[in-house]
Amino acid sequence: MSEPTRYSATPVELPLNLDREPEAVQGCAGCAELAAVRSRARAVGDWTTVSDCNVYLRRHPEGH
């Protein structure tokens, strides 16, 4: 039987994502609503919804 490792492994370094948030397309009601939801979510600290809105905004222009 082998002995367990008694030292910690090296830390995992995750990349820092400095991408800008997507912006709403002028004149698009869908983009405006997603930006409004994102703003309200950010105000209450709901970072999951902020992230979801960013994903939807990035994908939404495909329909323009």
N, C-alpha and C. Protein backbone atom coordinates (compact mmCIF):
# COMPACT_ATOMS: atom_id res chain seq x y z
N MET A 1 0.84 -1.17 0.00
CA MET A 1 0.00 0.00 0.00
C MET A 1 0.90 1.24 0.00
N SER A 2 0.54 2.23 -0.77
CA SER A 2 1.39 3.42 -0.87
C SER A 2 0.97 4.47 0.17
N GLU A 3 1.92 5.30 0.51
CA GLU A 3 1.67 6.37 1.48
C GLU A 3 1.06 7.58 0.76
N PRO A 4 0.12 8.27 1.39
CA PRO A 4 -0.47 9.47 0.76
C PRO A 4 0.57 10.60 0.67
N THR A 5 0.40 11.45 -0.29
CA THR A 5 1.28 12.60 -0.44
C THR A 5 1.03 13.57 0.71
N ARG A 6 2.10 14.03 1.33
CA ARG A 6 1.95 14.89 2.50
C ARG A 6 2.35 16.34 2.21
N TYR A 7 2.42 16.71 0.97
CA TYR A 7 2.73 18.09 0.62
C TYR A 7 1.68 18.56 -0.38
N SER A 8 1.46 19.86 -0.40
CA SER A 8 0.44 20.40 -1.29
C SER A 8 0.98 20.49 -2.72
N ALA A 9 0.09 20.37 -3.63
CA ALA A 9 0.45 20.50 -5.05
C ALA A 9 0.62 21.98 -5.39
N THR A 10 1.27 22.25 -6.51
CA THR A 10 1.43 23.64 -6.93
C THR A 10 0.06 24.22 -7.28
N PRO A 11 -0.13 25.51 -7.04
CA PRO A 11 -1.44 26.11 -7.31
C PRO A 11 -1.74 26.16 -8.80
N VAL A 12 -3.00 26.09 -9.11
CA VAL A 12 -3.45 26.20 -10.50
C VAL A 12 -3.65 27.67 -10.80
N GLU A 13 -3.06 28.15 -11.87
CA GLU A 13 -3.21 29.55 -12.25
C GLU A 13 -4.23 29.65 -13.37
N LEU A 14 -5.31 30.38 -13.09
CA LEU A 14 -6.36 30.58 -14.08
C LEU A 14 -6.09 31.87 -14.85
N PRO A 15 -6.45 31.91 -16.13
CA PRO A 15 -6.21 33.13 -16.90
C PRO A 15 -7.14 34.25 -16.45
N LEU A 16 -6.64 35.46 -16.47
CA LEU A 16 -7.44 36.63 -16.13
C LEU A 16 -8.14 37.09 -17.40
N ASN A 17 -9.46 37.09 -17.36
CA ASN A 17 -10.25 37.47 -18.53
C ASN A 17 -10.53 38.97 -18.49
N LEU A 18 -9.90 39.71 -19.36
CA LEU A 18 -10.07 41.16 -19.40
C LEU A 18 -10.93 41.62 -20.57
N ASP A 19 -11.69 40.69 -21.15
CA ASP A 19 -12.56 41.06 -22.26
C ASP A 19 -13.62 42.04 -21.78
N ARG A 20 -13.92 43.00 -22.64
CA ARG A 20 -14.98 43.96 -22.32
C ARG A 20 -16.33 43.28 -22.43
N GLU A 21 -17.28 43.78 -21.68
CA GLU A 21 -18.63 43.25 -21.78
C GLU A 21 -19.23 43.64 -23.12
N PRO A 22 -20.09 42.78 -23.67
CA PRO A 22 -20.73 43.12 -24.93
C PRO A 22 -21.70 44.29 -24.74
N GLU A 23 -21.82 45.09 -25.77
CA GLU A 23 -22.72 46.25 -25.72
C GLU A 23 -23.98 45.96 -26.52
N ALA A 24 -25.07 46.58 -26.10
CA ALA A 24 -26.34 46.43 -26.79
C ALA A 24 -26.28 47.14 -28.14
N VAL A 25 -26.91 46.55 -29.15
CA VAL A 25 -26.99 47.17 -30.48
C VAL A 25 -28.08 48.23 -30.44
N GLN A 26 -27.75 49.42 -30.89
CA GLN A 26 -28.71 50.52 -30.89
C GLN A 26 -29.94 50.16 -31.70
N GLY A 27 -31.12 50.44 -31.14
CA GLY A 27 -32.37 50.20 -31.84
C GLY A 27 -32.91 48.78 -31.73
N CYS A 28 -32.23 47.90 -31.03
CA CYS A 28 -32.67 46.52 -30.88
C CYS A 28 -33.32 46.36 -29.50
N ALA A 29 -34.60 46.03 -29.48
CA ALA A 29 -35.33 45.89 -28.23
C ALA A 29 -34.79 44.72 -27.41
N GLY A 30 -34.41 43.64 -28.06
CA GLY A 30 -33.87 42.48 -27.35
C GLY A 30 -32.57 42.82 -26.64
N CYS A 31 -31.69 43.51 -27.32
CA CYS A 31 -30.42 43.92 -26.71
C CYS A 31 -30.67 44.88 -25.55
N ALA A 32 -31.58 45.81 -25.73
CA ALA A 32 -31.89 46.78 -24.68
C ALA A 32 -32.41 46.08 -23.44
N GLU A 33 -33.27 45.09 -23.61
CA GLU A 33 -33.82 44.36 -22.46
C GLU A 33 -32.73 43.56 -21.75
N LEU A 34 -31.87 42.90 -22.51
CA LEU A 34 -30.77 42.15 -21.88
C LEU A 34 -29.84 43.07 -21.11
N ALA A 35 -29.56 44.24 -21.66
CA ALA A 35 -28.69 45.21 -20.97
C ALA A 35 -29.36 45.72 -19.70
N ALA A 36 -30.68 45.91 -19.72
CA ALA A 36 -31.41 46.37 -18.54
C ALA A 36 -31.41 45.30 -17.45
N VAL A 37 -31.65 44.06 -17.84
CA VAL A 37 -31.63 42.95 -16.87
C VAL A 37 -30.24 42.83 -16.26
N ARG A 38 -29.22 42.94 -17.09
CA ARG A 38 -27.84 42.86 -16.60
C ARG A 38 -27.54 43.97 -15.60
N SER A 39 -28.02 45.17 -15.89
CA SER A 39 -27.80 46.30 -15.00
C SER A 39 -28.49 46.10 -13.65
N ARG A 40 -29.73 45.62 -13.69
CA ARG A 40 -30.45 45.36 -12.43
C ARG A 40 -29.78 44.24 -11.63
N ALA A 41 -29.32 43.21 -12.33
CA ALA A 41 -28.66 42.09 -11.65
C ALA A 41 -27.35 42.55 -11.00
N ARG A 42 -26.61 43.40 -11.69
CA ARG A 42 -25.35 43.91 -11.14
C ARG A 42 -25.62 44.74 -9.88
N ALA A 43 -26.72 45.50 -9.88
CA ALA A 43 -27.05 46.36 -8.75
C ALA A 43 -27.31 45.56 -7.47
N VAL A 44 -27.80 44.34 -7.62
CA VAL A 44 -28.09 43.52 -6.43
C VAL A 44 -27.04 42.44 -6.21
N GLY A 45 -25.99 42.45 -7.01
CA GLY A 45 -24.90 41.48 -6.82
C GLY A 45 -25.19 40.09 -7.35
N ASP A 46 -26.10 39.98 -8.31
CA ASP A 46 -26.44 38.68 -8.91
C ASP A 46 -25.51 38.45 -10.11
N TRP A 47 -24.30 38.00 -9.81
CA TRP A 47 -23.26 37.88 -10.84
C TRP A 47 -23.53 36.75 -11.82
N THR A 48 -24.31 35.76 -11.43
CA THR A 48 -24.68 34.68 -12.35
C THR A 48 -25.53 35.23 -13.48
N THR A 49 -26.51 36.06 -13.14
CA THR A 49 -27.38 36.66 -14.15
C THR A 49 -26.60 37.64 -15.02
N VAL A 50 -25.68 38.38 -14.42
CA VAL A 50 -24.83 39.29 -15.20
C VAL A 50 -24.06 38.50 -16.25
N SER A 51 -23.47 37.39 -15.84
CA SER A 51 -22.72 36.54 -16.76
C SER A 51 -23.63 35.96 -17.84
N ASP A 52 -24.81 35.50 -17.46
CA ASP A 52 -25.76 34.94 -18.43
C ASP A 52 -26.16 35.99 -19.47
N CYS A 53 -26.43 37.20 -19.02
CA CYS A 53 -26.81 38.27 -19.95
C CYS A 53 -25.67 38.58 -20.92
N ASN A 54 -24.43 38.54 -20.43
CA ASN A 54 -23.28 38.77 -21.31
C ASN A 54 -23.21 37.69 -22.39
N VAL A 55 -23.48 36.44 -22.01
CA VAL A 55 -23.47 35.35 -22.99
C VAL A 55 -24.57 35.57 -24.01
N TYR A 56 -25.78 35.90 -23.55
CA TYR A 56 -26.90 36.11 -24.48
C TYR A 56 -26.64 37.30 -25.40
N LEU A 57 -26.04 38.36 -24.86
CA LEU A 57 -25.73 39.52 -25.71
C LEU A 57 -24.69 39.17 -26.76
N ARG A 58 -23.70 38.35 -26.40
CA ARG A 58 -22.69 37.96 -27.39
C ARG A 58 -23.31 37.10 -28.49
N ARG A 59 -24.27 36.27 -28.14
CA ARG A 59 -24.89 35.39 -29.13
C ARG A 59 -26.01 36.08 -29.90
N HIS A 60 -26.62 37.08 -29.31
CA HIS A 60 -27.79 37.73 -29.91
C HIS A 60 -27.52 38.40 -31.26
N PRO A 61 -26.39 39.04 -31.47
CA PRO A 61 -26.18 39.70 -32.77
C PRO A 61 -26.28 38.77 -33.97
N GLU A 62 -26.18 37.46 -33.74
CA GLU A 62 -26.31 36.54 -34.86
C GLU A 62 -27.69 36.67 -35.51
N GLY A 63 -28.67 37.14 -34.73
CA GLY A 63 -30.02 37.28 -35.26
C GLY A 63 -30.29 38.64 -35.88
N HIS A 64 -29.33 39.54 -35.85
CA HIS A 64 -29.54 40.88 -36.44
C HIS A 64 -29.45 40.83 -37.94
